[in-house]
């Protein structure tokens, strides 16, 4: 088996996780190198032990998950588990079918925009009026979760992100210091307190010690630059680099250094206050949901159901913070 960064597995994997080897190898191969299809995982009813909002409360915050902009992740498909988890926490969740305006946003407390594709054939990701509407809504007290994955999704969301002082690399980010040790997949990054990848913030602290987030795993994303006052929730290391495309993930490390640019000091998730509102941006989408990927090499699950991560709690905490109860 090749020992390139793409395919290398942690040396202890065979001893400690031999049953998972085919799944992890498929993940390392397919997320970096081959065509695969993604869909939301089919989960049994999700339970939250201590929900933030009473079950069935009609005055619970309303979450709109955008579906009006050709989104790759929507509430009835790849972000269905995300929506399920928020509902289990007592939030009301609906699909947002209309362009952004004061009227369409006025009834929501949280807006989720996940992976809008770039412009093509006259299609514009967000109009200037829509960006103005989202900014005004957040400034008046709304909670925005903007998710833009590796290229080309970062480019589509860049203008909206800039309104809130966040720059998007629109790249494929790797970080040798954060590479997931379980798979050796250079695009899967693990952020922990031990590797100094996690900040101090209510989203990571939770309401109690049981809700503290100690490990977040991301699954091939881009980097973010926080230019305004805020918190780098998931901090990239001095070894992080932004690569231009998926194919660059297969290059030897010395060629990656020549091809990419440094992402040192950048983030993979940020949180900030904006006027009376709050904003969270994530440079990776799969970490916030549960998905199944299928290819000729096989199928595997990834996301907040991945063992050994606190991604599920991370999702709950960030939604609670955007709702103003954390």
Protein backbone atom coordinates (compact mmCIF):
# COMPACT_ATOMS: atom_id res chain seq x y z
CA UNK A 1 0.00 0.00 0.00
CA UNK A 2 1.24 3.50 -0.85
CA UNK A 3 2.65 5.54 2.02
CA UNK A 4 1.75 8.93 0.51
CA UNK A 5 -0.13 11.33 2.83
CA UNK A 6 -3.33 10.59 0.94
CA UNK A 7 -3.40 6.90 1.72
CA UNK A 8 -1.33 6.55 4.87
CA UNK A 9 -3.16 5.25 7.90
CA UNK A 10 -2.15 5.70 11.48
CA UNK A 11 0.30 2.90 12.35
CA UNK A 12 -1.78 1.68 15.24
CA UNK A 13 -4.98 1.45 13.19
CA UNK A 14 -4.57 -2.23 12.35
CA UNK A 15 -4.07 -3.09 16.01
CA UNK A 16 -6.82 -0.91 17.48
CA UNK A 17 -9.47 -0.57 14.78
CA UNK A 18 -9.01 -3.43 12.36
CA UNK A 19 -12.79 -3.79 11.88
CA UNK A 20 -13.00 -0.19 10.65
CA UNK A 21 -10.11 -0.46 8.21
CA UNK A 22 -12.15 -0.94 4.99
CA UNK A 23 -14.42 1.97 5.87
CA UNK A 24 -11.60 4.32 6.81
CA UNK A 25 -9.58 3.39 3.74
CA UNK A 26 -12.58 4.08 1.53
CA UNK A 27 -12.96 7.45 3.23
CA UNK A 28 -9.32 8.33 2.69
CA UNK A 29 -9.48 7.31 -0.94
CA UNK A 30 -12.81 8.73 -2.00
CA UNK A 31 -13.02 12.06 -0.26
CA UNK A 32 -9.70 13.00 -1.79
CA UNK A 33 -9.47 11.28 -5.12
CA UNK A 34 -12.55 9.81 -6.72
CA UNK A 35 -16.12 10.62 -7.62
CA UNK A 36 -18.68 9.78 -4.98
CA UNK A 37 -22.27 10.60 -4.12
CA UNK A 38 -23.37 12.05 -0.81
CA UNK A 39 -26.68 11.91 0.97
CA UNK A 40 -27.96 12.57 4.46
CA UNK A 41 -27.69 9.57 6.74
CA UNK A 42 -30.91 7.83 7.75
CA UNK A 43 -31.02 8.16 11.53
CA UNK A 44 -33.48 6.90 14.07
CA UNK A 45 -35.14 9.58 16.17
CA UNK A 46 -32.45 11.72 17.75
CA UNK A 47 -32.65 12.32 21.48
CA UNK A 48 -31.21 15.27 23.41
CA UNK A 49 -30.91 14.54 27.11
CA UNK A 50 -31.39 18.11 28.29
CA UNK A 51 -32.99 20.09 25.44
CA UNK A 52 -32.69 23.86 25.42
CA UNK A 53 -36.37 24.39 24.61
CA UNK A 54 -39.51 22.57 25.81
CA UNK A 55 -40.82 19.95 23.40
CA UNK A 56 -43.53 21.32 21.15
CA UNK A 57 -43.16 24.92 22.34
CA UNK A 58 -44.81 27.14 19.75
CA UNK A 59 -42.65 30.10 20.76
CA UNK A 60 -39.34 28.26 20.36
CA UNK A 61 -36.91 29.99 17.98
CA UNK A 62 -37.57 29.36 14.30
CA UNK A 63 -34.64 28.13 12.19
CA UNK A 64 -34.80 28.67 8.43
CA UNK A 65 -32.53 26.40 6.40
CA UNK A 66 -32.03 28.07 3.04
CA UNK A 67 -33.18 26.19 -0.05
CA UNK A 68 -33.68 29.18 -2.36
CA UNK A 69 -30.13 29.32 -3.77
CA UNK A 70 -29.48 25.89 -5.33
CA UNK A 71 -27.98 24.78 -2.00
CA UNK A 72 -25.99 21.55 -2.01
CA UNK A 73 -27.04 20.94 1.62
CA UNK A 74 -30.77 21.20 2.37
CA UNK A 75 -33.12 20.30 5.23
CA UNK A 76 -34.63 17.33 3.40
CA UNK A 77 -31.37 15.77 2.20
CA UNK A 78 -27.76 16.25 3.32
CA UNK A 79 -28.73 18.55 6.20
CA UNK A 80 -31.70 16.46 7.26
CA UNK A 81 -29.78 15.02 10.27
CA UNK A 82 -28.74 18.58 11.19
CA UNK A 83 -32.41 19.61 11.13
CA UNK A 84 -33.39 16.51 13.12
CA UNK A 85 -30.89 17.34 15.84
CA UNK A 86 -32.09 20.93 16.17
CA UNK A 87 -35.70 19.77 16.37
CA UNK A 88 -34.71 17.32 19.11
CA UNK A 89 -33.37 20.33 21.02
CA UNK A 90 -36.80 21.97 20.81
CA UNK A 91 -36.13 24.38 17.95
CA UNK A 92 -38.63 24.81 15.15
CA UNK A 93 -37.01 24.12 11.77
CA UNK A 94 -38.35 24.98 8.33
CA UNK A 95 -36.98 25.17 4.80
CA UNK A 96 -36.46 28.68 3.48
CA UNK A 97 -37.85 28.75 -0.05
CA UNK A 98 -37.79 32.51 -0.72
CA UNK A 99 -35.03 34.97 -1.62
CA UNK A 100 -33.71 36.90 1.37
CA UNK A 101 -35.68 40.01 2.28
CA UNK A 102 -36.93 41.77 5.39
CA UNK A 103 -40.23 39.92 4.95
CA UNK A 104 -38.84 36.41 4.40
CA UNK A 105 -36.36 36.71 7.27
CA UNK A 106 -38.57 38.60 9.69
CA UNK A 107 -40.18 35.54 11.25
CA UNK A 108 -36.91 33.65 11.86
CA UNK A 109 -34.44 33.80 14.73
CA UNK A 110 -31.76 31.70 12.99
CA UNK A 111 -30.86 31.52 9.30
CA UNK A 112 -28.74 28.63 8.00
CA UNK A 113 -27.12 28.94 4.57
CA UNK A 114 -25.14 25.87 3.53
CA UNK A 115 -23.07 25.42 0.37
CA UNK A 116 -24.49 27.71 -2.27
CA UNK A 117 -22.86 26.99 -5.66
CA UNK A 118 -21.01 29.65 -7.67
CA UNK A 119 -22.58 31.80 -10.36
CA UNK A 120 -23.23 30.30 -13.79
CA UNK A 121 -25.46 31.00 -16.81
CA UNK A 122 -26.85 34.18 -15.32
CA UNK A 123 -27.39 32.67 -11.87
CA UNK A 124 -26.04 34.85 -9.07
CA UNK A 125 -25.55 33.24 -5.63
CA UNK A 126 -26.85 36.28 -3.72
CA UNK A 127 -28.06 39.60 -5.07
CA UNK A 128 -26.89 42.84 -3.51
CA UNK A 129 -30.37 43.35 -2.09
CA UNK A 130 -30.28 39.92 -0.46
CA UNK A 131 -26.90 40.60 1.14
CA UNK A 132 -28.23 43.92 2.44
CA UNK A 133 -31.30 42.16 3.86
CA UNK A 134 -29.26 39.50 5.67
CA UNK A 135 -26.89 42.10 7.14
CA UNK A 136 -29.76 44.26 8.38
CA UNK A 137 -31.55 41.24 9.85
CA UNK A 138 -28.45 40.10 11.75
CA UNK A 139 -27.71 43.62 12.94
CA UNK A 140 -31.24 43.79 14.37
CA UNK A 141 -30.76 40.56 16.36
CA UNK A 142 -30.79 37.58 13.98
CA UNK A 143 -28.47 34.59 14.22
CA UNK A 144 -26.68 33.58 11.01
CA UNK A 145 -24.94 30.26 10.34
CA UNK A 146 -23.10 30.55 7.02
CA UNK A 147 -21.49 27.31 5.84
CA UNK A 148 -19.23 27.32 2.78
CA UNK A 149 -17.15 24.25 2.03
CA UNK A 150 -13.97 23.76 0.00
CA UNK A 151 -13.77 25.32 -3.46
CA UNK A 152 -15.92 26.29 -5.28
CA UNK A 153 -18.37 27.01 -2.44
CA UNK A 154 -16.19 29.60 -0.71
CA UNK A 155 -16.20 31.82 -3.76
CA UNK A 156 -20.00 31.79 -3.93
CA UNK A 157 -20.35 32.94 -0.31
CA UNK A 158 -17.41 35.37 -0.27
CA UNK A 159 -19.35 38.62 -0.72
CA UNK A 160 -21.84 37.75 2.01
CA UNK A 161 -19.04 36.70 4.36
CA UNK A 162 -17.15 39.94 3.74
CA UNK A 163 -20.11 41.94 5.06
CA UNK A 164 -19.34 40.45 8.46
CA UNK A 165 -15.56 40.81 8.25
CA UNK A 166 -14.70 37.25 7.25
CA UNK A 167 -12.59 36.27 4.26
CA UNK A 168 -13.02 32.92 2.51
CA UNK A 169 -10.05 31.16 0.91
CA UNK A 170 -12.14 29.22 -1.63
CA UNK A 171 -9.53 26.47 -1.47
CA UNK A 172 -8.87 22.96 -0.12
CA UNK A 173 -7.25 23.30 3.29
CA UNK A 174 -4.79 20.84 4.81
CA UNK A 175 -2.93 21.05 8.10
CA UNK A 176 -0.21 18.53 8.98
CA UNK A 177 -0.56 19.36 12.67
CA UNK A 178 -4.33 18.75 12.62
CA UNK A 179 -4.50 15.72 10.27
CA UNK A 180 -6.89 13.13 11.69
CA UNK A 181 -4.64 10.45 13.22
CA UNK A 182 -7.26 7.71 12.78
CA UNK A 183 -7.31 7.85 8.97
CA UNK A 184 -4.26 9.88 7.98
CA UNK A 185 -6.55 11.68 5.50
CA UNK A 186 -4.81 15.02 5.03
CA UNK A 187 -8.10 16.83 4.36
CA UNK A 188 -9.78 15.52 7.53
CA UNK A 189 -8.74 17.81 10.37
CA UNK A 190 -9.16 17.18 14.10
CA UNK A 191 -9.30 20.17 16.44
CA UNK A 192 -8.70 19.50 20.13
CA UNK A 193 -7.64 21.35 23.23
CA UNK A 194 -4.47 19.24 23.29
CA UNK A 195 -3.35 20.39 19.83
CA UNK A 196 -4.44 23.99 20.56
CA UNK A 197 -7.11 23.85 17.88
CA UNK A 198 -10.03 24.91 20.09
CA UNK A 199 -10.67 28.38 21.51
CA UNK A 200 -12.39 29.47 24.70
CA UNK A 201 -15.95 30.39 23.78
CA UNK A 202 -19.49 29.59 25.05
CA UNK A 203 -20.04 27.43 21.95
CA UNK A 204 -17.18 25.18 22.99
CA UNK A 205 -17.83 25.40 26.74
CA UNK A 206 -21.56 24.58 26.62
CA UNK A 207 -23.85 24.93 29.64
CA UNK A 208 -21.96 22.41 31.77
CA UNK A 209 -18.87 20.22 31.85
CA UNK A 210 -20.88 17.46 30.14
CA UNK A 211 -21.55 19.77 27.18
CA UNK A 212 -17.96 20.95 26.71
CA UNK A 213 -16.60 20.31 23.22
CA UNK A 214 -13.17 18.69 23.35
CA UNK A 215 -12.76 17.30 19.82
CA UNK A 216 -14.17 18.45 16.48
CA UNK A 217 -13.44 16.60 13.23
CA UNK A 218 -13.89 18.29 9.85
CA UNK A 219 -14.05 16.52 6.49
CA UNK A 220 -12.29 18.52 3.74
CA UNK A 221 -13.00 22.23 3.88
CA UNK A 222 -11.54 25.68 3.31
CA UNK A 223 -9.95 28.26 5.61
CA UNK A 224 -11.46 31.50 6.89
CA UNK A 225 -9.79 34.79 7.83
CA UNK A 226 -11.40 36.67 10.71
CA UNK A 227 -10.74 40.38 10.13
CA UNK A 228 -13.28 41.75 12.63
CA UNK A 229 -13.35 41.17 16.42
CA UNK A 230 -14.55 37.64 17.06
CA UNK A 231 -13.38 34.16 17.99
CA UNK A 232 -11.56 31.59 15.90
CA UNK A 233 -13.47 28.52 17.12
CA UNK A 234 -11.40 26.04 15.10
CA UNK A 235 -7.84 27.33 14.85
CA UNK A 236 -5.55 26.14 12.06
CA UNK A 237 -1.87 25.68 12.89
CA UNK A 238 1.24 27.30 11.47
CA UNK A 239 1.53 24.26 9.16
CA UNK A 240 -1.84 24.79 7.46
CA UNK A 241 -1.94 25.37 3.72
CA UNK A 242 -4.63 26.24 1.21
CA UNK A 243 -4.46 24.15 -1.96
CA UNK A 244 -6.18 25.24 -5.18
CA UNK A 245 -8.08 22.06 -6.06
CA UNK A 246 -8.90 18.48 -5.11
CA UNK A 247 -6.13 17.10 -7.32
CA UNK A 248 -3.54 18.96 -5.22
CA UNK A 249 -4.37 16.67 -2.30
CA UNK A 250 -2.62 13.84 -4.15
CA UNK A 251 0.66 15.71 -4.67
CA UNK A 252 3.76 14.92 -2.60
CA UNK A 253 4.22 17.30 0.35
CA UNK A 254 7.02 19.28 -1.33
CA UNK A 255 4.80 19.96 -4.35
CA UNK A 256 1.91 20.92 -2.08
CA UNK A 257 4.16 23.48 -0.43
CA UNK A 258 4.97 24.92 -3.86
CA UNK A 259 1.37 24.78 -5.12
CA UNK A 260 -0.49 26.04 -2.07
CA UNK A 261 -0.29 29.13 0.11
CA UNK A 262 0.07 29.35 3.86
CA UNK A 263 -3.14 29.28 5.90
CA UNK A 264 -1.32 29.93 9.18
CA UNK A 265 -3.38 32.07 11.53
CA UNK A 266 -6.61 31.28 9.71
CA UNK A 267 -9.62 29.33 11.00
CA UNK A 268 -12.06 26.66 9.92
CA UNK A 269 -14.93 28.07 12.00
CA UNK A 270 -15.47 31.51 13.54
CA UNK A 271 -18.03 33.23 15.79
CA UNK A 272 -18.70 36.92 16.19
CA UNK A 273 -21.21 39.45 17.45
CA UNK A 274 -22.64 41.83 14.86
CA UNK A 275 -24.84 44.63 16.09
CA UNK A 276 -27.56 42.98 18.16
CA UNK A 277 -27.08 39.68 16.36
CA UNK A 278 -24.61 36.82 16.14
CA UNK A 279 -22.79 35.05 13.33
CA UNK A 280 -21.11 31.65 13.04
CA UNK A 281 -19.29 30.70 9.85
CA UNK A 282 -17.93 27.26 9.04
CA UNK A 283 -15.52 26.45 6.25
CA UNK A 284 -16.69 22.83 6.22
CA UNK A 285 -20.23 21.46 5.91
CA UNK A 286 -20.15 17.74 6.74
CA UNK A 287 -18.97 18.26 10.32
CA UNK A 288 -22.40 19.69 11.17
CA UNK A 289 -24.51 16.83 9.84
CA UNK A 290 -24.38 13.06 9.25
CA UNK A 291 -23.86 11.74 5.72
CA UNK A 292 -23.24 8.60 3.75
CA UNK A 293 -20.86 8.65 0.79
CA UNK A 294 -20.98 5.98 -1.89
CA UNK A 295 -18.52 5.18 -4.66
CA UNK A 296 -17.23 2.12 -6.53
CA UNK A 297 -14.84 1.63 -3.59
CA UNK A 298 -17.70 1.23 -1.12
CA UNK A 299 -19.79 3.29 1.26
CA UNK A 300 -18.93 4.96 4.52
CA UNK A 301 -20.53 7.31 7.04
CA UNK A 302 -19.07 10.56 8.26
CA UNK A 303 -20.15 13.67 10.16
CA UNK A 304 -21.44 14.15 13.69
CA UNK A 305 -22.04 10.40 14.07
CA UNK A 306 -18.31 9.66 13.71
CA UNK A 307 -17.11 8.00 16.93
CA UNK A 308 -14.63 9.85 19.10
CA UNK A 309 -15.81 13.36 18.21
CA UNK A 310 -17.94 16.02 19.89
CA UNK A 311 -19.37 17.29 16.60
CA UNK A 312 -22.93 16.56 17.72
CA UNK A 313 -22.52 18.70 20.82
CA UNK A 314 -20.79 21.36 18.74
CA UNK A 315 -23.91 21.63 16.56
CA UNK A 316 -26.21 21.91 19.58
CA UNK A 317 -24.02 24.52 21.25
CA UNK A 318 -23.67 26.73 18.20
CA UNK A 319 -27.43 26.68 17.57
CA UNK A 320 -28.08 27.59 21.20
CA UNK A 321 -25.56 30.42 21.01
CA UNK A 322 -27.17 31.79 17.86
CA UNK A 323 -30.55 31.57 19.59
CA UNK A 324 -29.18 33.63 22.49
CA UNK A 325 -29.56 31.02 25.23
CA UNK A 326 -25.87 30.21 25.60
